[in-house]
């Protein structure tokens, strides 16, 4: 029997998460404008190939391809009626790559995190989405991910505290899995909705979320300022660092991220020195970044 993910974190072990999903699927042929969730049903072999590439590079946590998997976000692509099936199947595909949780079989001890991103709608009073409606959207997604066999629910790229709270509440209504939550901070050290790292940390700790941190955002170096603020506000929380692979810029009408795998590996070691126990990369990354991080952290 393998250890539960919270037991692994409590032991002091650092777990390596995965990297980008969207850009990697686009490189595999996903048409521009088509959500990655569409391939969960249409081309599941590509989803599994991506998961496998990250696991082979050293990822010990793989996120399901469901960042935009709420019914509200899938509606734009006409996939909202299949939201439950998409989320459940995404979890099953990742689970198949990770192996049987009861035996630890598969690619070592790999955990599957059910990925939940923002709904894409602004919440009241700035937009049409009520707190109660948001809770229900997240609850539906969490239930399907849990049914597919994930080890934890991983809420990410949050900027609105109320939406993050709604996500946590929704998850807790439908399953008893561990809930992680990360926020996206911009160049000013706050989310787009003005939330500071300390505010985010205190709010999540009050909701008994055990693992918190930063993902996406601006430059990965800025996480070096964010982690200490979160640590001070939440001394007992497990910290997560999963930034973009550098600062995005336009080159010949394409978004390019400027950090090399070597740079991300160097930063990963510094994140761990600051207390991060889950480290990965977000937009603009690839298995090469994860392999470099895995090698750096093994060296110590």
Protein backbone atom coordinates (compact mmCIF):
# COMPACT_ATOMS: atom_id res chain seq x y z
CA UNK A 1 0.00 0.00 0.00
CA UNK A 2 1.34 3.43 -0.86
CA UNK A 3 1.21 6.41 1.46
CA UNK A 4 -1.59 8.93 1.08
CA UNK A 5 -0.44 12.23 -0.40
CA UNK A 6 -0.78 14.15 2.88
CA UNK A 7 1.28 11.50 4.64
CA UNK A 8 4.02 11.94 2.06
CA UNK A 9 4.01 15.70 2.58
CA UNK A 10 3.97 15.32 6.37
CA UNK A 11 7.12 13.20 6.13
CA UNK A 12 8.98 16.21 4.78
CA UNK A 13 9.31 14.84 1.27
CA UNK A 14 9.23 17.24 -1.68
CA UNK A 15 6.90 16.12 -4.45
CA UNK A 16 7.38 17.18 -8.07
CA UNK A 17 4.24 18.19 -9.94
CA UNK A 18 3.89 18.36 -13.72
CA UNK A 19 4.12 21.18 -16.25
CA UNK A 20 1.99 22.90 -18.87
CA UNK A 21 -0.97 21.20 -20.53
CA UNK A 22 -2.42 23.57 -23.13
CA UNK A 23 0.76 24.43 -25.00
CA UNK A 24 1.86 20.81 -25.01
CA UNK A 25 -1.46 19.66 -26.47
CA UNK A 26 -1.30 22.40 -29.07
CA UNK A 27 2.15 21.16 -30.05
CA UNK A 28 0.54 17.73 -30.50
CA UNK A 29 -2.04 19.19 -32.87
CA UNK A 30 -4.84 20.62 -30.73
CA UNK A 31 -6.40 23.38 -32.87
CA UNK A 32 -6.07 26.93 -31.61
CA UNK A 33 -9.23 27.89 -29.75
CA UNK A 34 -10.18 24.30 -28.95
CA UNK A 35 -10.08 23.54 -25.22
CA UNK A 36 -7.84 20.69 -24.14
CA UNK A 37 -10.86 19.12 -22.45
CA UNK A 38 -12.23 18.28 -25.91
CA UNK A 39 -9.47 15.74 -26.43
CA UNK A 40 -10.34 13.85 -23.26
CA UNK A 41 -13.16 12.17 -25.19
CA UNK A 42 -11.93 12.64 -28.76
CA UNK A 43 -8.24 11.73 -28.44
CA UNK A 44 -7.63 10.16 -25.04
CA UNK A 45 -4.36 8.63 -26.25
CA UNK A 46 -2.88 12.15 -26.55
CA UNK A 47 -3.94 12.99 -23.00
CA UNK A 48 -2.32 9.83 -21.69
CA UNK A 49 0.80 10.46 -23.76
CA UNK A 50 1.18 13.85 -22.12
CA UNK A 51 0.71 12.47 -18.61
CA UNK A 52 3.19 9.70 -19.35
CA UNK A 53 5.79 12.18 -20.62
CA UNK A 54 5.63 14.12 -17.36
CA UNK A 55 5.78 10.99 -15.23
CA UNK A 56 8.79 9.72 -17.15
CA UNK A 57 10.43 13.13 -16.64
CA UNK A 58 9.97 12.82 -12.87
CA UNK A 59 6.52 14.14 -11.96
CA UNK A 60 5.04 12.56 -8.84
CA UNK A 61 1.79 14.55 -9.11
CA UNK A 62 -0.04 14.81 -12.42
CA UNK A 63 -2.98 17.18 -12.85
CA UNK A 64 -6.02 16.09 -14.79
CA UNK A 65 -6.66 17.96 -18.05
CA UNK A 66 -9.68 19.73 -16.55
CA UNK A 67 -8.53 23.27 -15.75
CA UNK A 68 -11.53 24.57 -17.73
CA UNK A 69 -13.78 21.70 -16.76
CA UNK A 70 -16.62 23.51 -15.03
CA UNK A 71 -19.93 23.36 -16.87
CA UNK A 72 -19.83 27.17 -17.26
CA UNK A 73 -16.42 27.18 -18.93
CA UNK A 74 -17.16 24.21 -21.18
CA UNK A 75 -20.31 25.88 -22.49
CA UNK A 76 -18.35 28.07 -24.93
CA UNK A 77 -17.23 24.94 -26.78
CA UNK A 78 -20.64 23.27 -26.56
CA UNK A 79 -19.28 20.68 -24.13
CA UNK A 80 -21.27 21.68 -21.04
CA UNK A 81 -23.71 18.79 -21.37
CA UNK A 82 -20.75 16.40 -21.20
CA UNK A 83 -19.09 18.08 -18.21
CA UNK A 84 -19.54 15.13 -15.87
CA UNK A 85 -18.27 12.59 -18.37
CA UNK A 86 -15.29 14.79 -19.34
CA UNK A 87 -14.12 15.24 -15.76
CA UNK A 88 -14.62 11.63 -14.77
CA UNK A 89 -12.87 10.35 -17.88
CA UNK A 90 -9.97 12.79 -17.44
CA UNK A 91 -9.41 11.42 -13.96
CA UNK A 92 -9.56 7.85 -15.25
CA UNK A 93 -6.97 8.55 -17.95
CA UNK A 94 -4.56 10.12 -15.47
CA UNK A 95 -5.23 7.29 -13.02
CA UNK A 96 -4.39 4.74 -15.69
CA UNK A 97 -0.99 6.36 -16.20
CA UNK A 98 -0.34 6.83 -12.49
CA UNK A 99 -1.27 3.27 -11.56
CA UNK A 100 -3.47 1.59 -8.98
CA UNK A 101 -3.60 3.67 -5.77
CA UNK A 102 -4.25 0.62 -3.61
CA UNK A 103 -1.01 -1.08 -4.59
CA UNK A 104 1.26 1.71 -5.78
CA UNK A 105 1.56 -0.04 -9.12
CA UNK A 106 2.43 1.97 -12.20
CA UNK A 107 5.14 4.58 -12.63
CA UNK A 108 6.34 4.59 -9.02
CA UNK A 109 4.17 6.42 -6.50
CA UNK A 110 2.39 8.95 -8.68
CA UNK A 111 -0.61 10.91 -7.45
CA UNK A 112 -3.48 12.24 -9.52
CA UNK A 113 -4.72 15.73 -8.69
CA UNK A 114 -8.15 16.70 -9.93
CA UNK A 115 -7.54 20.09 -11.54
CA UNK A 116 -10.13 22.84 -11.05
CA UNK A 117 -9.61 26.32 -12.49
CA UNK A 118 -11.74 29.48 -12.32
CA UNK A 119 -15.16 29.48 -13.98
CA UNK A 120 -14.20 32.31 -16.31
CA UNK A 121 -17.05 34.49 -15.04
CA UNK A 122 -16.76 37.44 -12.67
CA UNK A 123 -18.56 37.04 -9.40
CA UNK A 124 -21.23 39.34 -7.98
CA UNK A 125 -21.10 42.35 -7.65
CA UNK A 126 -18.60 42.72 -10.51
CA UNK A 127 -20.22 40.06 -12.68
CA UNK A 128 -23.20 37.71 -13.00
CA UNK A 129 -21.90 34.70 -11.05
CA UNK A 130 -23.41 34.32 -7.60
CA UNK A 131 -21.57 32.57 -4.80
CA UNK A 132 -24.20 29.84 -4.64
CA UNK A 133 -24.01 29.17 -8.39
CA UNK A 134 -20.22 28.98 -8.20
CA UNK A 135 -20.39 26.48 -5.35
CA UNK A 136 -22.68 24.27 -7.42
CA UNK A 137 -20.43 24.44 -10.51
CA UNK A 138 -17.37 23.43 -8.52
CA UNK A 139 -19.29 20.75 -6.64
CA UNK A 140 -20.36 19.12 -9.91
CA UNK A 141 -16.80 19.08 -11.20
CA UNK A 142 -15.32 17.77 -7.96
CA UNK A 143 -17.86 14.95 -7.78
CA UNK A 144 -16.96 13.76 -11.26
CA UNK A 145 -13.22 14.00 -10.62
CA UNK A 146 -13.58 12.03 -7.39
CA UNK A 147 -15.61 9.39 -9.22
CA UNK A 148 -12.74 9.02 -11.67
CA UNK A 149 -10.29 8.21 -8.91
CA UNK A 150 -8.21 11.31 -8.12
CA UNK A 151 -6.13 11.46 -4.95
CA UNK A 152 -6.81 15.12 -4.19
CA UNK A 153 -8.55 18.15 -5.62
CA UNK A 154 -6.20 20.85 -6.89
CA UNK A 155 -7.81 24.30 -7.22
CA UNK A 156 -5.50 26.64 -9.12
CA UNK A 157 -4.98 30.05 -10.73
CA UNK A 158 -7.44 31.73 -8.41
CA UNK A 159 -7.56 35.52 -8.15
CA UNK A 160 -10.89 36.15 -6.37
CA UNK A 161 -11.05 35.07 -2.74
CA UNK A 162 -14.80 34.48 -2.94
CA UNK A 163 -14.40 32.22 -5.95
CA UNK A 164 -11.65 30.29 -4.19
CA UNK A 165 -13.88 29.91 -1.13
CA UNK A 166 -16.77 28.76 -3.33
CA UNK A 167 -14.49 26.18 -4.94
CA UNK A 168 -13.41 24.79 -1.58
CA UNK A 169 -17.00 24.67 -0.34
CA UNK A 170 -18.18 22.99 -3.52
CA UNK A 171 -15.51 20.32 -3.28
CA UNK A 172 -16.29 19.64 0.36
CA UNK A 173 -19.99 19.19 -0.45
CA UNK A 174 -19.31 16.23 -2.73
CA UNK A 175 -16.12 14.50 -1.54
CA UNK A 176 -13.75 14.19 1.39
CA UNK A 177 -10.49 14.30 -0.57
CA UNK A 178 -7.65 16.65 0.44
CA UNK A 179 -8.06 20.09 -1.14
CA UNK A 180 -5.10 22.15 -2.37
CA UNK A 181 -5.40 25.74 -3.62
CA UNK A 182 -3.02 28.06 -5.45
CA UNK A 183 -3.42 31.67 -6.52
CA UNK A 184 -2.01 33.60 -9.47
CA UNK A 185 -0.11 36.76 -8.50
CA UNK A 186 0.92 39.47 -10.95
CA UNK A 187 3.95 41.77 -11.14
CA UNK A 188 2.66 43.84 -8.22
CA UNK A 189 2.62 40.88 -5.84
CA UNK A 190 -1.17 40.62 -5.71
CA UNK A 191 -3.78 38.79 -7.73
CA UNK A 192 -5.72 40.63 -10.42
CA UNK A 193 -8.45 41.12 -7.79
CA UNK A 194 -6.01 42.69 -5.33
CA UNK A 195 -5.53 39.68 -3.03
CA UNK A 196 -2.16 39.52 -1.26
CA UNK A 197 -0.28 36.26 -0.59
CA UNK A 198 -0.91 36.66 3.14
CA UNK A 199 -4.66 37.21 2.61
CA UNK A 200 -4.88 34.14 0.40
CA UNK A 201 -2.96 32.03 2.88
CA UNK A 202 -4.98 33.12 5.91
CA UNK A 203 -8.29 32.55 4.12
CA UNK A 204 -7.36 29.06 2.97
CA UNK A 205 -5.99 28.06 6.36
CA UNK A 206 -9.25 29.20 7.96
CA UNK A 207 -10.99 26.77 5.58
CA UNK A 208 -8.57 24.01 6.65
CA UNK A 209 -6.93 23.74 3.22
CA UNK A 210 -3.64 21.97 3.96
CA UNK A 211 -1.63 22.96 0.88
CA UNK A 212 -1.50 26.47 -0.59
CA UNK A 213 0.72 28.41 -2.92
CA UNK A 214 1.30 30.27 -6.16
CA UNK A 215 0.96 29.17 -9.76
CA UNK A 216 1.02 30.82 -13.19
CA UNK A 217 1.47 34.55 -12.52
CA UNK A 218 4.21 36.73 -13.99
CA UNK A 219 7.92 35.99 -13.57
CA UNK A 220 8.90 32.82 -11.67
CA UNK A 221 11.39 34.86 -9.63
CA UNK A 222 8.47 36.66 -7.99
CA UNK A 223 7.47 33.43 -6.25
CA UNK A 224 10.62 33.94 -4.16
CA UNK A 225 8.84 36.93 -2.59
CA UNK A 226 5.45 35.24 -2.38
CA UNK A 227 6.42 32.07 -0.51
CA UNK A 228 7.83 33.84 2.59
CA UNK A 229 4.64 35.90 2.90
CA UNK A 230 2.53 32.77 2.77
CA UNK A 231 4.80 30.98 5.22
CA UNK A 232 4.53 33.83 7.72
CA UNK A 233 0.73 33.92 7.43
CA UNK A 234 0.34 30.13 7.48
CA UNK A 235 3.33 28.53 9.23
CA UNK A 236 1.89 25.01 9.16
CA UNK A 237 0.64 24.89 5.58
CA UNK A 238 2.32 22.87 2.86
CA UNK A 239 3.57 25.34 0.25
CA UNK A 240 3.21 24.91 -3.51
CA UNK A 241 5.29 26.66 -6.20
CA UNK A 242 4.18 26.13 -9.81
CA UNK A 243 5.01 29.30 -11.77
CA UNK A 244 5.22 29.95 -15.49
CA UNK A 245 8.44 29.08 -17.29
CA UNK A 246 9.56 32.68 -17.46
CA UNK A 247 7.91 35.90 -18.56
CA UNK A 248 5.69 35.53 -21.64
CA UNK A 249 6.46 37.68 -24.69
CA UNK A 250 5.29 37.77 -28.29
CA UNK A 251 7.66 36.48 -30.97
CA UNK A 252 6.30 36.28 -34.53
CA UNK A 253 2.72 36.27 -33.20
CA UNK A 254 3.44 33.42 -30.81
CA UNK A 255 3.74 33.56 -27.04
CA UNK A 256 7.22 32.53 -25.92
CA UNK A 257 8.37 31.93 -22.34
CA UNK A 258 12.00 32.81 -21.72
CA UNK A 259 13.15 30.62 -18.83
CA UNK A 260 15.30 27.60 -19.65
CA UNK A 261 14.92 24.24 -17.88
CA UNK A 262 18.19 24.99 -16.10
CA UNK A 263 16.80 28.26 -14.77
CA UNK A 264 13.59 26.59 -13.59
CA UNK A 265 15.65 23.91 -11.85
CA UNK A 266 17.71 26.57 -10.07
CA UNK A 267 14.55 28.34 -8.95
CA UNK A 268 12.97 25.06 -7.82
CA UNK A 269 15.85 24.47 -5.44
CA UNK A 270 15.37 27.94 -4.02
CA UNK A 271 11.62 27.36 -3.62
CA UNK A 272 12.37 24.23 -1.61
CA UNK A 273 14.84 26.15 0.55
CA UNK A 274 11.97 28.53 1.32
CA UNK A 275 9.72 25.68 2.38
CA UNK A 276 7.92 24.59 -0.78
CA UNK A 277 7.09 20.90 -0.71
CA UNK A 278 5.28 20.69 -4.06
CA UNK A 279 7.16 22.12 -7.02
CA UNK A 280 6.22 22.17 -10.70
CA UNK A 281 5.89 24.55 -13.64
CA UNK A 282 2.87 26.13 -15.31
CA UNK A 283 2.49 27.85 -18.70
CA UNK A 284 5.24 27.57 -21.29
CA UNK A 285 6.86 24.51 -19.76
CA UNK A 286 7.47 20.98 -20.98
CA UNK A 287 8.74 17.64 -19.66
CA UNK A 288 12.27 19.02 -20.13
CA UNK A 289 11.63 21.50 -17.31
CA UNK A 290 10.33 18.76 -15.04
CA UNK A 291 13.32 16.54 -15.82
CA UNK A 292 15.71 19.35 -14.93
CA UNK A 293 13.86 20.04 -11.67
CA UNK A 294 13.80 16.35 -10.77
CA UNK A 295 17.54 16.09 -11.36
CA UNK A 296 18.28 19.23 -9.35
CA UNK A 297 16.19 18.15 -6.38
CA UNK A 298 17.69 14.64 -6.39
CA UNK A 299 21.14 16.18 -6.22
CA UNK A 300 19.89 18.22 -3.30
